[in-house]
N, C-alpha and C. Protein backbone atom coordinates (compact mmCIF):
# COMPACT_ATOMS: atom_id res chain seq x y z
N MET A 1 -1.69 33.42 -24.87
CA MET A 1 -2.07 32.03 -24.75
C MET A 1 -0.93 31.28 -24.06
N SER A 2 -1.28 30.46 -23.07
CA SER A 2 -0.24 29.72 -22.35
C SER A 2 0.17 28.47 -23.11
N THR A 3 1.37 28.06 -22.86
CA THR A 3 1.91 26.86 -23.49
C THR A 3 1.37 25.65 -22.75
N PRO A 4 0.82 24.65 -23.46
CA PRO A 4 0.31 23.47 -22.76
C PRO A 4 1.46 22.69 -22.12
N HIS A 5 1.14 22.05 -21.01
CA HIS A 5 2.15 21.23 -20.33
C HIS A 5 2.39 19.95 -21.11
N THR A 6 3.63 19.56 -21.19
CA THR A 6 3.99 18.25 -21.72
C THR A 6 4.46 17.42 -20.55
N ALA A 7 4.73 16.15 -20.78
CA ALA A 7 5.24 15.28 -19.71
C ALA A 7 6.52 15.85 -19.12
N GLU A 8 7.31 16.52 -19.95
CA GLU A 8 8.58 17.07 -19.47
C GLU A 8 8.38 18.33 -18.64
N THR A 9 7.33 19.10 -18.93
CA THR A 9 7.14 20.39 -18.26
C THR A 9 6.03 20.39 -17.21
N THR A 10 5.31 19.29 -17.09
CA THR A 10 4.23 19.24 -16.11
C THR A 10 4.81 19.27 -14.70
N PRO A 11 4.32 20.18 -13.86
CA PRO A 11 4.82 20.23 -12.48
C PRO A 11 4.41 18.98 -11.70
N THR A 12 5.25 18.58 -10.78
CA THR A 12 4.97 17.41 -9.94
C THR A 12 5.18 17.78 -8.47
N PRO A 13 4.31 18.64 -7.93
CA PRO A 13 4.53 19.12 -6.57
C PRO A 13 4.44 18.02 -5.50
N ILE A 14 3.58 17.04 -5.70
CA ILE A 14 3.46 15.98 -4.69
C ILE A 14 4.73 15.14 -4.69
N SER A 15 5.16 14.72 -5.86
CA SER A 15 6.40 13.94 -5.96
C SER A 15 7.58 14.72 -5.42
N ASP A 16 7.65 15.99 -5.76
CA ASP A 16 8.75 16.83 -5.29
C ASP A 16 8.75 16.91 -3.77
N ALA A 17 7.58 17.10 -3.18
CA ALA A 17 7.48 17.20 -1.71
C ALA A 17 7.88 15.88 -1.05
N LEU A 18 7.44 14.77 -1.62
CA LEU A 18 7.80 13.46 -1.05
C LEU A 18 9.31 13.23 -1.12
N HIS A 19 9.92 13.63 -2.22
CA HIS A 19 11.38 13.53 -2.34
C HIS A 19 12.05 14.40 -1.27
N ALA A 20 11.57 15.63 -1.14
CA ALA A 20 12.20 16.60 -0.24
C ALA A 20 12.11 16.18 1.23
N ASN A 21 10.97 15.58 1.63
CA ASN A 21 10.83 15.25 3.04
C ASN A 21 11.18 13.79 3.36
N GLY A 22 11.72 13.07 2.38
CA GLY A 22 12.19 11.71 2.63
C GLY A 22 11.13 10.64 2.59
N TYR A 23 9.92 10.97 2.11
CA TYR A 23 8.84 9.98 2.08
C TYR A 23 8.67 9.32 0.72
N TRP A 24 9.52 9.65 -0.23
CA TRP A 24 9.45 9.04 -1.56
C TRP A 24 9.85 7.58 -1.47
N ASN A 25 9.05 6.71 -2.04
CA ASN A 25 9.36 5.28 -2.08
C ASN A 25 10.22 5.02 -3.31
N PRO A 26 11.47 4.56 -3.14
CA PRO A 26 12.34 4.34 -4.30
C PRO A 26 11.78 3.32 -5.30
N ASN A 27 10.83 2.50 -4.86
CA ASN A 27 10.19 1.56 -5.79
C ASN A 27 9.35 2.30 -6.83
N TRP A 28 9.04 3.57 -6.57
CA TRP A 28 8.26 4.37 -7.51
C TRP A 28 9.13 4.97 -8.61
N ASP A 29 10.45 4.92 -8.47
CA ASP A 29 11.34 5.55 -9.46
C ASP A 29 11.07 5.07 -10.89
N PRO A 30 10.99 3.77 -11.15
CA PRO A 30 10.74 3.35 -12.54
C PRO A 30 9.40 3.84 -13.07
N ILE A 31 8.37 3.87 -12.20
CA ILE A 31 7.06 4.34 -12.64
C ILE A 31 7.15 5.81 -13.03
N ALA A 32 7.77 6.61 -12.17
CA ALA A 32 7.92 8.03 -12.44
C ALA A 32 8.76 8.28 -13.69
N GLU A 33 9.73 7.42 -13.93
CA GLU A 33 10.56 7.57 -15.13
C GLU A 33 9.74 7.29 -16.38
N VAL A 34 8.87 6.31 -16.32
CA VAL A 34 8.03 5.98 -17.48
C VAL A 34 6.97 7.05 -17.71
N ASP A 35 6.33 7.50 -16.61
CA ASP A 35 5.24 8.48 -16.76
C ASP A 35 5.07 9.26 -15.47
N LYS A 36 5.81 10.35 -15.34
CA LYS A 36 5.77 11.13 -14.12
C LYS A 36 4.41 11.81 -13.92
N VAL A 37 3.69 12.09 -14.99
CA VAL A 37 2.37 12.70 -14.88
C VAL A 37 1.40 11.70 -14.26
N TRP A 38 1.43 10.46 -14.72
CA TRP A 38 0.56 9.42 -14.14
C TRP A 38 0.91 9.21 -12.67
N MET A 39 2.21 9.19 -12.36
CA MET A 39 2.64 8.99 -10.97
C MET A 39 2.09 10.11 -10.09
N GLU A 40 2.14 11.32 -10.57
CA GLU A 40 1.62 12.46 -9.80
C GLU A 40 0.12 12.33 -9.58
N LYS A 41 -0.60 11.88 -10.61
CA LYS A 41 -2.06 11.68 -10.48
C LYS A 41 -2.35 10.56 -9.48
N PHE A 42 -1.56 9.50 -9.53
CA PHE A 42 -1.72 8.39 -8.58
C PHE A 42 -1.52 8.87 -7.15
N LEU A 43 -0.46 9.62 -6.92
CA LEU A 43 -0.18 10.13 -5.58
C LEU A 43 -1.28 11.09 -5.12
N ASN A 44 -1.77 11.91 -6.01
CA ASN A 44 -2.85 12.83 -5.68
C ASN A 44 -4.11 12.07 -5.28
N MET A 45 -4.40 10.98 -5.98
CA MET A 45 -5.56 10.16 -5.65
C MET A 45 -5.44 9.62 -4.22
N GLY A 46 -4.26 9.18 -3.84
CA GLY A 46 -4.05 8.67 -2.50
C GLY A 46 -4.22 9.72 -1.44
N LEU A 47 -3.92 10.95 -1.78
CA LEU A 47 -4.06 12.05 -0.81
C LEU A 47 -5.49 12.56 -0.73
N HIS A 48 -6.33 12.18 -1.69
CA HIS A 48 -7.71 12.66 -1.70
C HIS A 48 -8.44 12.31 -0.41
N GLY A 49 -8.16 11.14 0.15
CA GLY A 49 -8.80 10.71 1.38
C GLY A 49 -8.59 11.67 2.53
N LYS A 50 -7.48 12.40 2.49
CA LYS A 50 -7.20 13.37 3.55
C LYS A 50 -8.25 14.48 3.59
N HIS A 51 -8.91 14.69 2.49
CA HIS A 51 -9.90 15.75 2.42
C HIS A 51 -11.31 15.24 2.75
N VAL A 52 -11.48 13.94 2.85
CA VAL A 52 -12.79 13.36 3.06
C VAL A 52 -12.90 12.68 4.42
N LEU A 53 -11.86 11.98 4.82
CA LEU A 53 -11.86 11.23 6.07
C LEU A 53 -11.29 12.06 7.20
N ASP A 54 -11.71 11.74 8.42
CA ASP A 54 -11.07 12.40 9.55
C ASP A 54 -9.63 11.89 9.65
N PRO A 55 -8.73 12.68 10.23
CA PRO A 55 -7.30 12.33 10.24
C PRO A 55 -6.99 10.96 10.87
N LYS A 56 -7.67 10.59 11.94
CA LYS A 56 -7.39 9.29 12.58
C LYS A 56 -7.75 8.15 11.63
N THR A 57 -8.92 8.24 11.01
CA THR A 57 -9.35 7.19 10.08
C THR A 57 -8.39 7.10 8.90
N PHE A 58 -7.99 8.24 8.38
CA PHE A 58 -7.05 8.25 7.26
C PHE A 58 -5.75 7.52 7.64
N GLU A 59 -5.20 7.83 8.81
CA GLU A 59 -3.94 7.20 9.22
C GLU A 59 -4.11 5.70 9.45
N LEU A 60 -5.24 5.29 10.02
CA LEU A 60 -5.48 3.85 10.24
C LEU A 60 -5.58 3.10 8.91
N ILE A 61 -6.25 3.70 7.95
CA ILE A 61 -6.34 3.06 6.63
C ILE A 61 -4.97 3.04 5.96
N ALA A 62 -4.20 4.12 6.11
CA ALA A 62 -2.86 4.15 5.52
C ALA A 62 -1.96 3.08 6.14
N ILE A 63 -2.11 2.85 7.45
CA ILE A 63 -1.35 1.77 8.10
C ILE A 63 -1.73 0.43 7.46
N ALA A 64 -3.03 0.20 7.31
CA ALA A 64 -3.50 -1.07 6.73
C ALA A 64 -2.96 -1.27 5.32
N VAL A 65 -3.00 -0.23 4.52
CA VAL A 65 -2.52 -0.34 3.13
C VAL A 65 -1.02 -0.63 3.12
N ASP A 66 -0.24 0.14 3.86
CA ASP A 66 1.21 -0.05 3.84
C ASP A 66 1.65 -1.37 4.47
N ALA A 67 0.87 -1.89 5.43
CA ALA A 67 1.23 -3.15 6.09
C ALA A 67 0.69 -4.37 5.36
N SER A 68 -0.18 -4.18 4.39
CA SER A 68 -0.81 -5.32 3.72
C SER A 68 0.22 -6.19 3.01
N CYS A 69 -0.10 -7.46 2.86
CA CYS A 69 0.84 -8.41 2.25
C CYS A 69 1.12 -8.09 0.79
N THR A 70 0.29 -7.29 0.16
CA THR A 70 0.54 -6.91 -1.23
C THR A 70 1.35 -5.63 -1.34
N HIS A 71 1.63 -4.99 -0.20
CA HIS A 71 2.34 -3.72 -0.23
C HIS A 71 3.63 -3.78 0.59
N MET A 72 3.53 -4.13 1.87
CA MET A 72 4.68 -4.33 2.76
C MET A 72 5.70 -3.19 2.69
N TYR A 73 5.23 -1.97 2.93
CA TYR A 73 6.11 -0.80 2.88
C TYR A 73 6.35 -0.31 4.30
N ALA A 74 7.41 -0.84 4.92
CA ALA A 74 7.71 -0.55 6.33
C ALA A 74 7.89 0.93 6.63
N PRO A 75 8.58 1.72 5.78
CA PRO A 75 8.70 3.14 6.10
C PRO A 75 7.34 3.83 6.19
N GLY A 76 6.41 3.45 5.34
CA GLY A 76 5.07 4.02 5.40
C GLY A 76 4.32 3.59 6.64
N VAL A 77 4.46 2.32 7.03
CA VAL A 77 3.82 1.83 8.25
C VAL A 77 4.31 2.65 9.43
N ARG A 78 5.62 2.84 9.52
CA ARG A 78 6.21 3.61 10.62
C ARG A 78 5.69 5.05 10.63
N THR A 79 5.70 5.68 9.47
CA THR A 79 5.24 7.07 9.37
C THR A 79 3.79 7.20 9.82
N HIS A 80 2.93 6.31 9.33
CA HIS A 80 1.51 6.42 9.64
C HIS A 80 1.21 6.00 11.08
N ILE A 81 1.98 5.08 11.65
CA ILE A 81 1.81 4.76 13.07
C ILE A 81 2.18 5.97 13.91
N ARG A 82 3.28 6.62 13.58
CA ARG A 82 3.69 7.82 14.33
C ARG A 82 2.61 8.90 14.26
N LYS A 83 2.09 9.13 13.05
CA LYS A 83 1.05 10.14 12.89
C LYS A 83 -0.21 9.76 13.66
N ALA A 84 -0.59 8.48 13.61
CA ALA A 84 -1.79 8.02 14.32
C ALA A 84 -1.62 8.21 15.83
N LEU A 85 -0.48 7.82 16.35
CA LEU A 85 -0.23 8.00 17.79
C LEU A 85 -0.29 9.47 18.17
N ALA A 86 0.28 10.32 17.33
CA ALA A 86 0.25 11.76 17.61
C ALA A 86 -1.17 12.32 17.61
N LEU A 87 -2.06 11.67 16.86
CA LEU A 87 -3.46 12.09 16.80
C LEU A 87 -4.30 11.50 17.93
N GLY A 88 -3.68 10.65 18.76
CA GLY A 88 -4.40 10.07 19.88
C GLY A 88 -4.95 8.67 19.65
N VAL A 89 -4.60 8.06 18.52
CA VAL A 89 -5.01 6.68 18.28
C VAL A 89 -4.26 5.79 19.27
N THR A 90 -4.95 4.82 19.85
CA THR A 90 -4.32 3.97 20.86
C THR A 90 -3.52 2.84 20.22
N LYS A 91 -2.61 2.32 21.02
CA LYS A 91 -1.81 1.16 20.59
C LYS A 91 -2.74 0.00 20.24
N GLU A 92 -3.82 -0.17 21.02
CA GLU A 92 -4.75 -1.27 20.78
C GLU A 92 -5.51 -1.09 19.47
N GLU A 93 -5.87 0.15 19.14
CA GLU A 93 -6.55 0.39 17.86
C GLU A 93 -5.63 0.09 16.68
N ILE A 94 -4.38 0.51 16.79
CA ILE A 94 -3.41 0.23 15.72
C ILE A 94 -3.17 -1.27 15.61
N ALA A 95 -3.04 -1.94 16.74
CA ALA A 95 -2.85 -3.41 16.73
C ALA A 95 -4.04 -4.09 16.06
N ALA A 96 -5.26 -3.61 16.33
CA ALA A 96 -6.45 -4.20 15.71
C ALA A 96 -6.40 -4.05 14.19
N VAL A 97 -5.96 -2.88 13.71
CA VAL A 97 -5.82 -2.67 12.27
C VAL A 97 -4.80 -3.64 11.68
N LEU A 98 -3.66 -3.80 12.35
CA LEU A 98 -2.64 -4.73 11.87
C LEU A 98 -3.15 -6.16 11.89
N GLN A 99 -3.90 -6.53 12.91
CA GLN A 99 -4.46 -7.88 13.00
C GLN A 99 -5.47 -8.12 11.87
N LEU A 100 -6.33 -7.14 11.62
CA LEU A 100 -7.30 -7.28 10.53
C LEU A 100 -6.60 -7.37 9.18
N THR A 101 -5.56 -6.58 9.01
CA THR A 101 -4.82 -6.57 7.75
C THR A 101 -4.09 -7.89 7.53
N SER A 102 -3.64 -8.52 8.61
CA SER A 102 -2.90 -9.78 8.47
C SER A 102 -3.77 -10.89 7.89
N VAL A 103 -5.07 -10.76 7.99
CA VAL A 103 -5.98 -11.78 7.47
C VAL A 103 -5.92 -11.85 5.94
N LEU A 104 -5.44 -10.79 5.30
CA LEU A 104 -5.33 -10.82 3.84
C LEU A 104 -4.51 -12.00 3.36
N GLY A 105 -3.51 -12.39 4.12
CA GLY A 105 -2.64 -13.49 3.72
C GLY A 105 -3.26 -14.87 3.84
N VAL A 106 -4.40 -14.98 4.51
CA VAL A 106 -5.04 -16.28 4.69
C VAL A 106 -5.44 -16.90 3.36
N HIS A 107 -5.62 -16.06 2.34
CA HIS A 107 -6.02 -16.59 1.03
C HIS A 107 -4.96 -17.49 0.42
N THR A 108 -3.72 -17.32 0.82
CA THR A 108 -2.67 -18.23 0.38
C THR A 108 -3.02 -19.65 0.77
N MET A 109 -3.46 -19.83 2.01
CA MET A 109 -3.83 -21.16 2.49
C MET A 109 -5.20 -21.60 1.94
N SER A 110 -6.17 -20.69 1.89
CA SER A 110 -7.50 -21.09 1.43
C SER A 110 -7.48 -21.47 -0.05
N MET A 111 -6.54 -20.94 -0.81
CA MET A 111 -6.40 -21.33 -2.20
C MET A 111 -5.46 -22.53 -2.33
N GLY A 112 -4.35 -22.47 -1.63
CA GLY A 112 -3.31 -23.48 -1.79
C GLY A 112 -3.61 -24.82 -1.15
N ALA A 113 -4.23 -24.83 0.03
CA ALA A 113 -4.49 -26.10 0.74
C ALA A 113 -5.38 -27.04 -0.06
N PRO A 114 -6.50 -26.59 -0.65
CA PRO A 114 -7.30 -27.51 -1.45
C PRO A 114 -6.55 -28.08 -2.66
N ILE A 115 -5.71 -27.24 -3.28
CA ILE A 115 -4.91 -27.72 -4.42
C ILE A 115 -3.94 -28.78 -3.94
N LEU A 116 -3.30 -28.54 -2.79
CA LEU A 116 -2.39 -29.52 -2.22
C LEU A 116 -3.10 -30.84 -1.98
N LEU A 117 -4.28 -30.79 -1.36
CA LEU A 117 -5.03 -32.02 -1.07
C LEU A 117 -5.43 -32.74 -2.36
N GLU A 118 -5.84 -31.97 -3.38
CA GLU A 118 -6.20 -32.57 -4.67
C GLU A 118 -5.00 -33.27 -5.30
N GLU A 119 -3.85 -32.61 -5.27
CA GLU A 119 -2.65 -33.18 -5.88
C GLU A 119 -2.15 -34.41 -5.12
N VAL A 120 -2.24 -34.37 -3.81
CA VAL A 120 -1.85 -35.54 -3.01
C VAL A 120 -2.79 -36.70 -3.32
N ALA A 121 -4.10 -36.42 -3.39
CA ALA A 121 -5.07 -37.48 -3.72
C ALA A 121 -4.82 -38.03 -5.11
N ALA A 122 -4.55 -37.15 -6.07
CA ALA A 122 -4.28 -37.60 -7.44
C ALA A 122 -3.03 -38.45 -7.50
N ARG A 123 -2.02 -38.09 -6.74
CA ARG A 123 -0.78 -38.85 -6.72
C ARG A 123 -1.00 -40.22 -6.12
N GLN A 124 -1.81 -40.30 -5.06
CA GLN A 124 -2.10 -41.58 -4.43
C GLN A 124 -2.91 -42.47 -5.33
N THR A 125 -3.77 -41.88 -6.19
CA THR A 125 -4.58 -42.67 -7.11
C THR A 125 -3.73 -43.24 -8.22
N THR A 126 -2.77 -42.45 -8.74
CA THR A 126 -1.95 -42.90 -9.86
C THR A 126 -0.71 -43.67 -9.40
N ASN A 127 -0.32 -43.52 -8.16
CA ASN A 127 0.90 -44.14 -7.67
C ASN A 127 0.69 -44.60 -6.22
N PRO A 128 -0.23 -45.55 -6.00
CA PRO A 128 -0.47 -45.97 -4.60
C PRO A 128 0.77 -46.66 -4.03
N THR A 129 1.07 -46.34 -2.77
CA THR A 129 2.24 -46.99 -2.13
C THR A 129 1.83 -47.72 -0.90
């Protein structure tokens, strides 16, 4: 009978490979320290797309994720742009992905501008000058 894996003995081949080839994000260190098994499952989930999507689509989506305002991981953007270019993706296609991804930040204004206008109006009502 084999010994069941514990958090200490569970293999982490994806994490190990990312460390070895320089693609490990140091921001993941605290997560891996808290639960390396969960981190490995998370990384495996991200790689699942490689088995379903064609390589160009996978790289374009990876660029969008890494460049998004909620992620902003420049080393990943660089890696995936290099891979996309090597696969024959054009500069214009990559630029289009970056342009589409940049729209994510518009919600800052669509949420904040109405609040600003409400607060300015409220201030003028309570303190007209």
